[in-house]
Amino acid sequence: FTRLCCLDSDTNTNPFSDNYIDLIPNYEYKITQKLEKEYTKEELISSVKVRSLSDIEFSGSKLKDLLFRLKVFLMPYNFLSWLQYSISNKQTKLRKEK
């Protein structure tokens, strides 16, 4: 099991069909990406990098790690996802209480 795998490409700026996924053993994933005209399929495949949560190296300083986590949390997509989850979770609790 690998938590939050992320794909990056140096040659192609188009988004992947899925990103930040959890890899489960013996489960097959199909992720696509539109090719930009100036790159070939082979160039794209060789440029793809896979990172995961386990690749993060901690600095050894609690303050540095806290600032890094804050920076990641405040990225627009992460923050908006958290906000959406918080709002929908509160609405669900309100429905249950009624």
N, C-alpha and C. Protein backbone atom coordinates (compact mmCIF):
# COMPACT_ATOMS: atom_id res chain seq x y z
N PHE A 1 0.84 -1.18 0.00
CA PHE A 1 0.00 0.00 0.00
C PHE A 1 0.89 1.24 0.00
N THR A 2 0.59 2.16 -0.87
CA THR A 2 1.33 3.42 -0.93
C THR A 2 0.32 4.56 -0.89
N ARG A 3 0.50 5.43 0.06
CA ARG A 3 -0.44 6.52 0.30
C ARG A 3 -0.12 7.74 -0.54
N LEU A 4 -1.14 8.29 -1.18
CA LEU A 4 -1.09 9.55 -1.93
C LEU A 4 0.05 9.60 -2.94
N CYS A 5 -0.02 8.76 -3.95
CA CYS A 5 0.94 8.83 -5.04
C CYS A 5 0.57 9.97 -5.96
N CYS A 6 1.56 10.68 -6.40
CA CYS A 6 1.36 11.84 -7.25
C CYS A 6 2.22 11.68 -8.50
N LEU A 7 1.65 11.97 -9.65
CA LEU A 7 2.38 11.91 -10.90
C LEU A 7 2.72 13.32 -11.36
N ASP A 8 3.94 13.48 -11.84
CA ASP A 8 4.40 14.75 -12.41
C ASP A 8 5.09 14.48 -13.73
N SER A 9 5.02 15.43 -14.62
CA SER A 9 5.73 15.31 -15.90
C SER A 9 6.41 16.63 -16.20
N ASP A 10 7.68 16.54 -16.56
CA ASP A 10 8.42 17.75 -16.94
C ASP A 10 8.09 18.20 -18.35
N THR A 11 7.64 17.26 -19.19
CA THR A 11 7.43 17.59 -20.60
C THR A 11 6.01 17.97 -20.95
N ASN A 12 5.04 17.59 -20.13
CA ASN A 12 3.64 17.81 -20.48
C ASN A 12 2.93 18.50 -19.32
N THR A 13 2.28 19.61 -19.59
CA THR A 13 1.62 20.36 -18.53
C THR A 13 0.14 20.02 -18.38
N ASN A 14 -0.40 19.19 -19.27
CA ASN A 14 -1.80 18.79 -19.15
C ASN A 14 -2.00 17.95 -17.90
N PRO A 15 -3.18 18.05 -17.29
CA PRO A 15 -3.41 17.28 -16.06
C PRO A 15 -3.59 15.79 -16.36
N PHE A 16 -3.26 14.97 -15.37
CA PHE A 16 -3.51 13.54 -15.46
C PHE A 16 -4.99 13.30 -15.14
N SER A 17 -5.51 12.18 -15.62
CA SER A 17 -6.92 11.87 -15.37
C SER A 17 -7.19 11.63 -13.90
N ASP A 18 -6.18 11.22 -13.17
CA ASP A 18 -6.30 11.02 -11.74
C ASP A 18 -4.93 11.29 -11.13
N ASN A 19 -4.92 11.83 -9.95
CA ASN A 19 -3.65 12.11 -9.29
C ASN A 19 -3.90 12.08 -7.79
N TYR A 20 -2.84 11.94 -7.04
CA TYR A 20 -2.94 11.78 -5.59
C TYR A 20 -3.86 10.60 -5.25
N ILE A 21 -3.41 9.44 -5.67
CA ILE A 21 -4.18 8.22 -5.44
C ILE A 21 -3.47 7.32 -4.44
N ASP A 22 -4.22 6.45 -3.83
CA ASP A 22 -3.65 5.42 -2.96
C ASP A 22 -3.46 4.17 -3.80
N LEU A 23 -2.25 3.66 -3.83
CA LEU A 23 -1.98 2.44 -4.59
C LEU A 23 -2.20 1.23 -3.69
N ILE A 24 -3.07 0.36 -4.14
CA ILE A 24 -3.40 -0.85 -3.40
C ILE A 24 -2.76 -2.02 -4.13
N PRO A 25 -2.08 -2.92 -3.40
CA PRO A 25 -1.44 -4.07 -4.06
C PRO A 25 -2.44 -4.89 -4.87
N ASN A 26 -1.97 -5.38 -6.01
CA ASN A 26 -2.75 -6.24 -6.91
C ASN A 26 -3.98 -5.55 -7.50
N TYR A 27 -3.99 -4.24 -7.53
CA TYR A 27 -5.08 -3.48 -8.14
C TYR A 27 -4.48 -2.69 -9.30
N GLU A 28 -5.12 -2.74 -10.44
CA GLU A 28 -4.60 -2.09 -11.63
C GLU A 28 -5.22 -0.70 -11.80
N TYR A 29 -4.39 0.28 -12.10
CA TYR A 29 -4.84 1.65 -12.31
C TYR A 29 -4.59 2.06 -13.75
N LYS A 30 -5.52 2.80 -14.30
CA LYS A 30 -5.33 3.35 -15.64
C LYS A 30 -5.44 4.86 -15.52
N ILE A 31 -4.33 5.53 -15.76
CA ILE A 31 -4.28 7.00 -15.66
C ILE A 31 -3.88 7.52 -17.03
N THR A 32 -4.62 8.49 -17.53
CA THR A 32 -4.36 9.03 -18.86
C THR A 32 -3.98 10.51 -18.77
N GLN A 33 -3.43 10.98 -19.88
CA GLN A 33 -3.06 12.39 -19.98
C GLN A 33 -3.02 12.75 -21.46
N LYS A 34 -3.64 13.86 -21.81
CA LYS A 34 -3.58 14.31 -23.21
C LYS A 34 -2.16 14.76 -23.53
N LEU A 35 -1.69 14.35 -24.67
CA LEU A 35 -0.34 14.74 -25.08
C LEU A 35 -0.37 16.11 -25.73
N GLU A 36 0.62 16.91 -25.41
CA GLU A 36 0.79 18.16 -26.12
C GLU A 36 1.46 17.83 -27.45
N LYS A 37 1.21 18.63 -28.45
CA LYS A 37 1.64 18.30 -29.82
C LYS A 37 3.14 18.10 -29.96
N GLU A 38 3.92 18.82 -29.20
CA GLU A 38 5.37 18.77 -29.42
C GLU A 38 6.07 17.60 -28.73
N TYR A 39 5.32 16.75 -28.02
CA TYR A 39 5.94 15.63 -27.31
C TYR A 39 5.38 14.30 -27.80
N THR A 40 6.24 13.32 -27.83
CA THR A 40 5.80 11.98 -28.20
C THR A 40 5.41 11.20 -26.95
N LYS A 41 4.73 10.12 -27.17
CA LYS A 41 4.31 9.25 -26.07
C LYS A 41 5.55 8.75 -25.30
N GLU A 42 6.59 8.38 -25.99
CA GLU A 42 7.80 7.87 -25.35
C GLU A 42 8.48 8.94 -24.49
N GLU A 43 8.50 10.18 -24.96
CA GLU A 43 9.08 11.27 -24.18
C GLU A 43 8.29 11.51 -22.90
N LEU A 44 6.97 11.43 -23.01
CA LEU A 44 6.12 11.61 -21.83
C LEU A 44 6.39 10.50 -20.81
N ILE A 45 6.38 9.26 -21.25
CA ILE A 45 6.59 8.14 -20.34
C ILE A 45 7.92 8.26 -19.62
N SER A 46 8.96 8.66 -20.32
CA SER A 46 10.28 8.77 -19.68
C SER A 46 10.37 9.97 -18.74
N SER A 47 9.46 10.94 -18.89
CA SER A 47 9.52 12.14 -18.04
C SER A 47 8.64 12.05 -16.79
N VAL A 48 7.78 11.03 -16.71
CA VAL A 48 6.85 10.93 -15.58
C VAL A 48 7.60 10.54 -14.31
N LYS A 49 7.30 11.27 -13.24
CA LYS A 49 7.87 10.99 -11.93
C LYS A 49 6.73 10.62 -10.99
N VAL A 50 6.96 9.63 -10.15
CA VAL A 50 5.96 9.21 -9.18
C VAL A 50 6.49 9.52 -7.79
N ARG A 51 5.71 10.28 -7.04
CA ARG A 51 6.08 10.59 -5.65
C ARG A 51 4.95 10.11 -4.75
N SER A 52 5.29 9.90 -3.50
CA SER A 52 4.25 9.52 -2.54
C SER A 52 4.54 10.17 -1.20
N LEU A 53 3.62 10.01 -0.30
CA LEU A 53 3.79 10.57 1.03
C LEU A 53 5.03 10.03 1.73
N SER A 54 5.39 8.80 1.42
CA SER A 54 6.57 8.20 2.06
C SER A 54 7.87 8.81 1.55
N ASP A 55 7.82 9.57 0.46
CA ASP A 55 9.02 10.20 -0.08
C ASP A 55 9.38 11.52 0.63
N ILE A 56 8.51 11.99 1.50
CA ILE A 56 8.76 13.26 2.18
C ILE A 56 9.81 13.05 3.26
N GLU A 57 10.85 13.84 3.20
CA GLU A 57 11.89 13.77 4.22
C GLU A 57 11.63 14.87 5.25
N PHE A 58 11.65 14.48 6.50
CA PHE A 58 11.42 15.44 7.57
C PHE A 58 12.72 16.15 7.90
N SER A 59 12.60 17.41 8.23
CA SER A 59 13.79 18.25 8.42
C SER A 59 14.45 18.02 9.78
N GLY A 60 13.73 17.45 10.71
CA GLY A 60 14.28 17.28 12.05
C GLY A 60 13.91 18.45 12.96
N SER A 61 13.37 19.51 12.38
CA SER A 61 12.94 20.66 13.14
C SER A 61 11.41 20.70 13.15
N LYS A 62 10.81 20.70 14.32
CA LYS A 62 9.35 20.72 14.40
C LYS A 62 8.77 21.98 13.76
N LEU A 63 9.44 23.10 13.92
CA LEU A 63 8.96 24.35 13.34
C LEU A 63 8.98 24.29 11.81
N LYS A 64 10.08 23.79 11.23
CA LYS A 64 10.17 23.67 9.78
C LYS A 64 9.10 22.73 9.24
N ASP A 65 8.90 21.61 9.94
CA ASP A 65 7.89 20.65 9.51
C ASP A 65 6.49 21.25 9.61
N LEU A 66 6.23 22.01 10.66
CA LEU A 66 4.95 22.67 10.83
C LEU A 66 4.70 23.68 9.70
N LEU A 67 5.71 24.47 9.37
CA LEU A 67 5.59 25.46 8.29
C LEU A 67 5.37 24.78 6.95
N PHE A 68 6.03 23.64 6.73
CA PHE A 68 5.85 22.90 5.49
C PHE A 68 4.42 22.37 5.39
N ARG A 69 3.91 21.79 6.49
CA ARG A 69 2.53 21.28 6.49
C ARG A 69 1.54 22.41 6.27
N LEU A 70 1.80 23.56 6.86
CA LEU A 70 0.94 24.73 6.68
C LEU A 70 0.94 25.18 5.22
N LYS A 71 2.11 25.19 4.61
CA LYS A 71 2.24 25.58 3.20
C LYS A 71 1.43 24.63 2.32
N VAL A 72 1.51 23.33 2.57
CA VAL A 72 0.75 22.34 1.79
C VAL A 72 -0.74 22.52 2.03
N PHE A 73 -1.14 22.72 3.27
CA PHE A 73 -2.55 22.90 3.61
C PHE A 73 -3.14 24.13 2.92
N LEU A 74 -2.36 25.20 2.81
CA LEU A 74 -2.86 26.46 2.25
C LEU A 74 -2.82 26.51 0.72
N MET A 75 -2.33 25.45 0.09
CA MET A 75 -2.41 25.41 -1.38
C MET A 75 -3.88 25.44 -1.75
N PRO A 76 -4.25 26.21 -2.76
CA PRO A 76 -5.67 26.42 -3.05
C PRO A 76 -6.50 25.14 -3.14
N TYR A 77 -6.02 24.14 -3.85
CA TYR A 77 -6.81 22.91 -3.99
C TYR A 77 -7.00 22.21 -2.65
N ASN A 78 -5.93 22.12 -1.87
CA ASN A 78 -6.01 21.46 -0.57
C ASN A 78 -6.94 22.22 0.38
N PHE A 79 -6.79 23.52 0.41
CA PHE A 79 -7.61 24.33 1.31
C PHE A 79 -9.08 24.26 0.92
N LEU A 80 -9.37 24.38 -0.37
CA LEU A 80 -10.76 24.33 -0.82
C LEU A 80 -11.38 22.95 -0.59
N SER A 81 -10.58 21.90 -0.75
CA SER A 81 -11.08 20.55 -0.46
C SER A 81 -11.42 20.41 1.02
N TRP A 82 -10.55 20.92 1.87
CA TRP A 82 -10.80 20.88 3.32
C TRP A 82 -12.06 21.67 3.66
N LEU A 83 -12.20 22.85 3.05
CA LEU A 83 -13.36 23.70 3.31
C LEU A 83 -14.64 23.00 2.87
N GLN A 84 -14.64 22.41 1.70
CA GLN A 84 -15.81 21.69 1.20
C GLN A 84 -16.15 20.53 2.13
N TYR A 85 -15.16 19.77 2.54
CA TYR A 85 -15.40 18.65 3.44
C TYR A 85 -15.96 19.15 4.77
N SER A 86 -15.41 20.23 5.31
CA SER A 86 -15.88 20.76 6.58
C SER A 86 -17.33 21.19 6.50
N ILE A 87 -17.70 21.86 5.44
CA ILE A 87 -19.07 22.33 5.28
C ILE A 87 -20.02 21.15 5.09
N SER A 88 -19.66 20.21 4.24
CA SER A 88 -20.55 19.07 4.00
C SER A 88 -20.66 18.19 5.24
N ASN A 89 -19.61 18.09 6.03
CA ASN A 89 -19.64 17.30 7.25
C ASN A 89 -20.57 17.94 8.28
N LYS A 90 -20.54 19.28 8.39
CA LYS A 90 -21.44 19.99 9.31
C LYS A 90 -22.89 19.82 8.88
N GLN A 91 -23.14 19.88 7.57
CA GLN A 91 -24.51 19.71 7.07
C GLN A 91 -25.02 18.31 7.36
N THR A 92 -24.15 17.33 7.24
CA THR A 92 -24.53 15.94 7.52
C THR A 92 -24.87 15.79 8.99
N LYS A 93 -24.08 16.39 9.87
CA LYS A 93 -24.37 16.32 11.30
C LYS A 93 -25.69 16.98 11.64
N LEU A 94 -25.98 18.12 10.98
CA LEU A 94 -27.23 18.82 11.23
C LEU A 94 -28.42 17.96 10.80
N ARG A 95 -28.31 17.27 9.68
CA ARG A 95 -29.40 16.41 9.21
C ARG A 95 -29.64 15.27 10.18
N LYS A 96 -28.57 14.73 10.73
CA LYS A 96 -28.69 13.61 11.66
C LYS A 96 -29.37 14.04 12.96
N GLU A 97 -29.11 15.28 13.38
CA GLU A 97 -29.68 15.78 14.63
C GLU A 97 -31.16 16.08 14.51
N LYS A 98 -31.65 16.39 13.34
CA LYS A 98 -33.06 16.77 13.15
C LYS A 98 -34.00 15.62 13.33
